[in-house]
Amino acid sequence: MDKADEEWRQKLTPEQFHVLREKGTEAPFTGKLLYNDKQGSYVCAACGNVLFDSGTKFEADCGWPSFYDALPGSVHFADDNTHSMSRTEVTCAKCGGHLGHVFPDAPDQPTGQRFCINSAALEFLPQDKS
């Protein structure tokens, strides 16, 4: 989903643009979805690609929404060696938007992984109650 920066700026809030297109990070413990415990799906705020099921969300007390797995084929991974750290970046498989990082530091979760994702990169779709 190739769009020019100006198109993304028109579609996204300034914070969403910073996170999704400039690989920024929202301040810890400020994201609107950090404490969301409703049933549903988390989708990319830029393109609507479904990324995470609410059943994989867990409280990691790290300051950002955390998930132990992404939906198959929904994300891509890349080495990120910025800020004097070695991390694995998580991006949306559909639009390439930066979502956050994944860490192998959740031994109490089924996959052992913690997807540390910016709320600004996500929208939440509540589960249909019909």
Protein backbone atom coordinates (compact mmCIF):
# COMPACT_ATOMS: atom_id res chain seq x y z
CA MET A 1 0.00 0.00 0.00
CA ASP A 2 2.26 2.74 -1.30
CA LYS A 3 1.14 6.23 -0.40
CA ALA A 4 3.08 9.45 -0.37
CA ASP A 5 3.82 10.97 3.03
CA GLU A 6 1.30 13.74 2.33
CA GLU A 7 -1.47 11.18 1.81
CA TRP A 8 -0.56 9.50 5.10
CA ARG A 9 -0.50 12.88 6.87
CA GLN A 10 -4.06 13.54 5.69
CA LYS A 11 -5.28 10.14 6.87
CA LEU A 12 -3.46 9.84 10.21
CA THR A 13 -3.23 12.00 13.32
CA PRO A 14 0.20 13.58 13.92
CA GLU A 15 0.97 10.94 16.59
CA GLN A 16 -0.14 8.09 14.32
CA PHE A 17 2.00 9.45 11.49
CA HIS A 18 5.02 9.74 13.78
CA VAL A 19 4.66 6.15 15.01
CA LEU A 20 3.50 4.39 11.84
CA ARG A 21 5.48 6.26 9.17
CA GLU A 22 8.49 7.66 11.07
CA LYS A 23 9.04 4.65 13.38
CA GLY A 24 8.34 6.71 16.48
CA THR A 25 7.21 5.55 19.90
CA GLU A 26 4.43 6.94 22.04
CA ALA A 27 5.23 7.76 25.66
CA PRO A 28 4.84 4.72 27.95
CA PHE A 29 1.58 4.35 29.90
CA THR A 30 -0.21 6.94 27.71
CA GLY A 31 -1.78 4.82 24.96
CA LYS A 32 -5.55 4.66 24.65
CA LEU A 33 -5.56 0.87 24.29
CA LEU A 34 -3.13 -0.03 27.06
CA TYR A 35 -5.83 -1.05 29.52
CA ASN A 36 -8.47 -2.12 27.00
CA ASP A 37 -9.84 -5.50 28.08
CA LYS A 38 -12.78 -5.83 25.69
CA GLN A 39 -13.15 -8.74 23.27
CA GLY A 40 -12.43 -7.99 19.62
CA SER A 41 -9.65 -7.36 17.13
CA TYR A 42 -6.78 -4.91 16.94
CA VAL A 43 -6.20 -3.55 13.45
CA CYS A 44 -3.58 -1.31 11.84
CA ALA A 45 -4.65 2.32 12.26
CA ALA A 46 -3.25 3.13 8.82
CA CYS A 47 -4.81 0.44 6.63
CA GLY A 48 -7.23 -1.66 8.72
CA ASN A 49 -5.24 -4.90 8.43
CA VAL A 50 -6.32 -7.21 11.28
CA LEU A 51 -3.20 -7.81 13.42
CA PHE A 52 -4.05 -9.18 16.87
CA ASP A 53 -6.94 -10.94 18.56
CA SER A 54 -7.88 -9.65 22.00
CA GLY A 55 -7.41 -13.16 23.38
CA THR A 56 -3.64 -12.79 22.90
CA LYS A 57 -3.40 -9.50 24.82
CA PHE A 58 -1.83 -9.66 28.27
CA GLU A 59 -0.67 -7.28 30.98
CA ALA A 60 3.11 -6.98 30.77
CA ASP A 61 3.37 -3.75 32.77
CA CYS A 62 5.78 -2.36 30.18
CA GLY A 63 3.78 0.75 29.24
CA TRP A 64 2.41 -0.43 25.89
CA PRO A 65 -0.26 -2.93 24.82
CA SER A 66 1.31 -6.40 24.76
CA PHE A 67 0.28 -9.48 22.82
CA TYR A 68 1.81 -12.95 22.77
CA ASP A 69 1.09 -13.57 19.08
CA ALA A 70 0.02 -11.85 15.87
CA LEU A 71 -2.46 -13.28 13.41
CA PRO A 72 -0.74 -15.42 10.75
CA GLY A 73 0.64 -13.33 7.87
CA SER A 74 -0.46 -10.02 9.42
CA VAL A 75 2.98 -8.67 10.35
CA HIS A 76 6.55 -8.64 9.10
CA PHE A 77 9.72 -8.62 11.15
CA ALA A 78 13.00 -6.74 10.64
CA ASP A 79 16.22 -6.34 12.58
CA ASP A 80 16.37 -2.98 14.33
CA ASN A 81 19.76 -1.92 15.67
CA THR A 82 18.90 1.72 16.40
CA HIS A 83 19.34 3.42 19.78
CA SER A 84 22.31 1.17 20.64
CA MET A 85 19.99 -1.84 20.97
CA SER A 86 19.37 -5.00 19.01
CA ARG A 87 15.62 -5.53 18.64
CA THR A 88 13.11 -7.02 16.24
CA GLU A 89 10.80 -4.46 14.66
CA VAL A 90 7.19 -5.42 13.89
CA THR A 91 5.53 -3.82 10.85
CA CYS A 92 2.13 -4.21 9.22
CA ALA A 93 2.33 -6.74 6.39
CA LYS A 94 -0.17 -4.75 4.32
CA CYS A 95 1.06 -1.13 4.51
CA GLY A 96 4.51 -1.43 6.13
CA GLY A 97 3.54 0.78 9.06
CA HIS A 98 5.75 0.55 12.16
CA LEU A 99 3.82 -1.08 15.00
CA GLY A 100 6.45 -1.68 17.68
CA HIS A 101 8.83 -4.50 18.59
CA VAL A 102 8.71 -8.13 19.68
CA PHE A 103 10.79 -9.50 22.54
CA PRO A 104 11.40 -13.09 23.71
CA ASP A 105 10.80 -12.16 27.34
CA ALA A 106 7.37 -13.52 28.22
CA PRO A 107 8.01 -17.06 29.49
CA ASP A 108 4.60 -17.12 31.18
CA GLN A 109 2.81 -16.70 27.81
CA PRO A 110 2.04 -19.48 25.29
CA THR A 111 4.61 -18.28 22.72
CA GLY A 112 7.13 -16.82 25.16
CA GLN A 113 7.00 -13.61 23.13
CA ARG A 114 5.86 -10.09 23.96
CA PHE A 115 4.69 -7.99 21.04
CA CYS A 116 5.12 -4.49 22.48
CA ILE A 117 2.86 -2.39 20.26
CA ASN A 118 2.09 1.34 20.19
CA SER A 119 -1.59 2.17 20.81
CA ALA A 120 -1.26 4.92 18.21
CA ALA A 121 -0.58 2.25 15.57
CA LEU A 122 -3.79 0.40 16.42
CA GLU A 123 -7.55 0.72 16.25
CA PHE A 124 -9.81 -1.62 18.19
CA LEU A 125 -12.83 -3.34 16.66
CA PRO A 126 -15.17 -4.74 19.33
CA GLN A 127 -16.46 -8.26 18.87
CA ASP A 128 -19.93 -8.41 17.35
CA LYS A 129 -22.35 -9.48 20.08
CA SER A 130 -25.00 -10.88 17.75
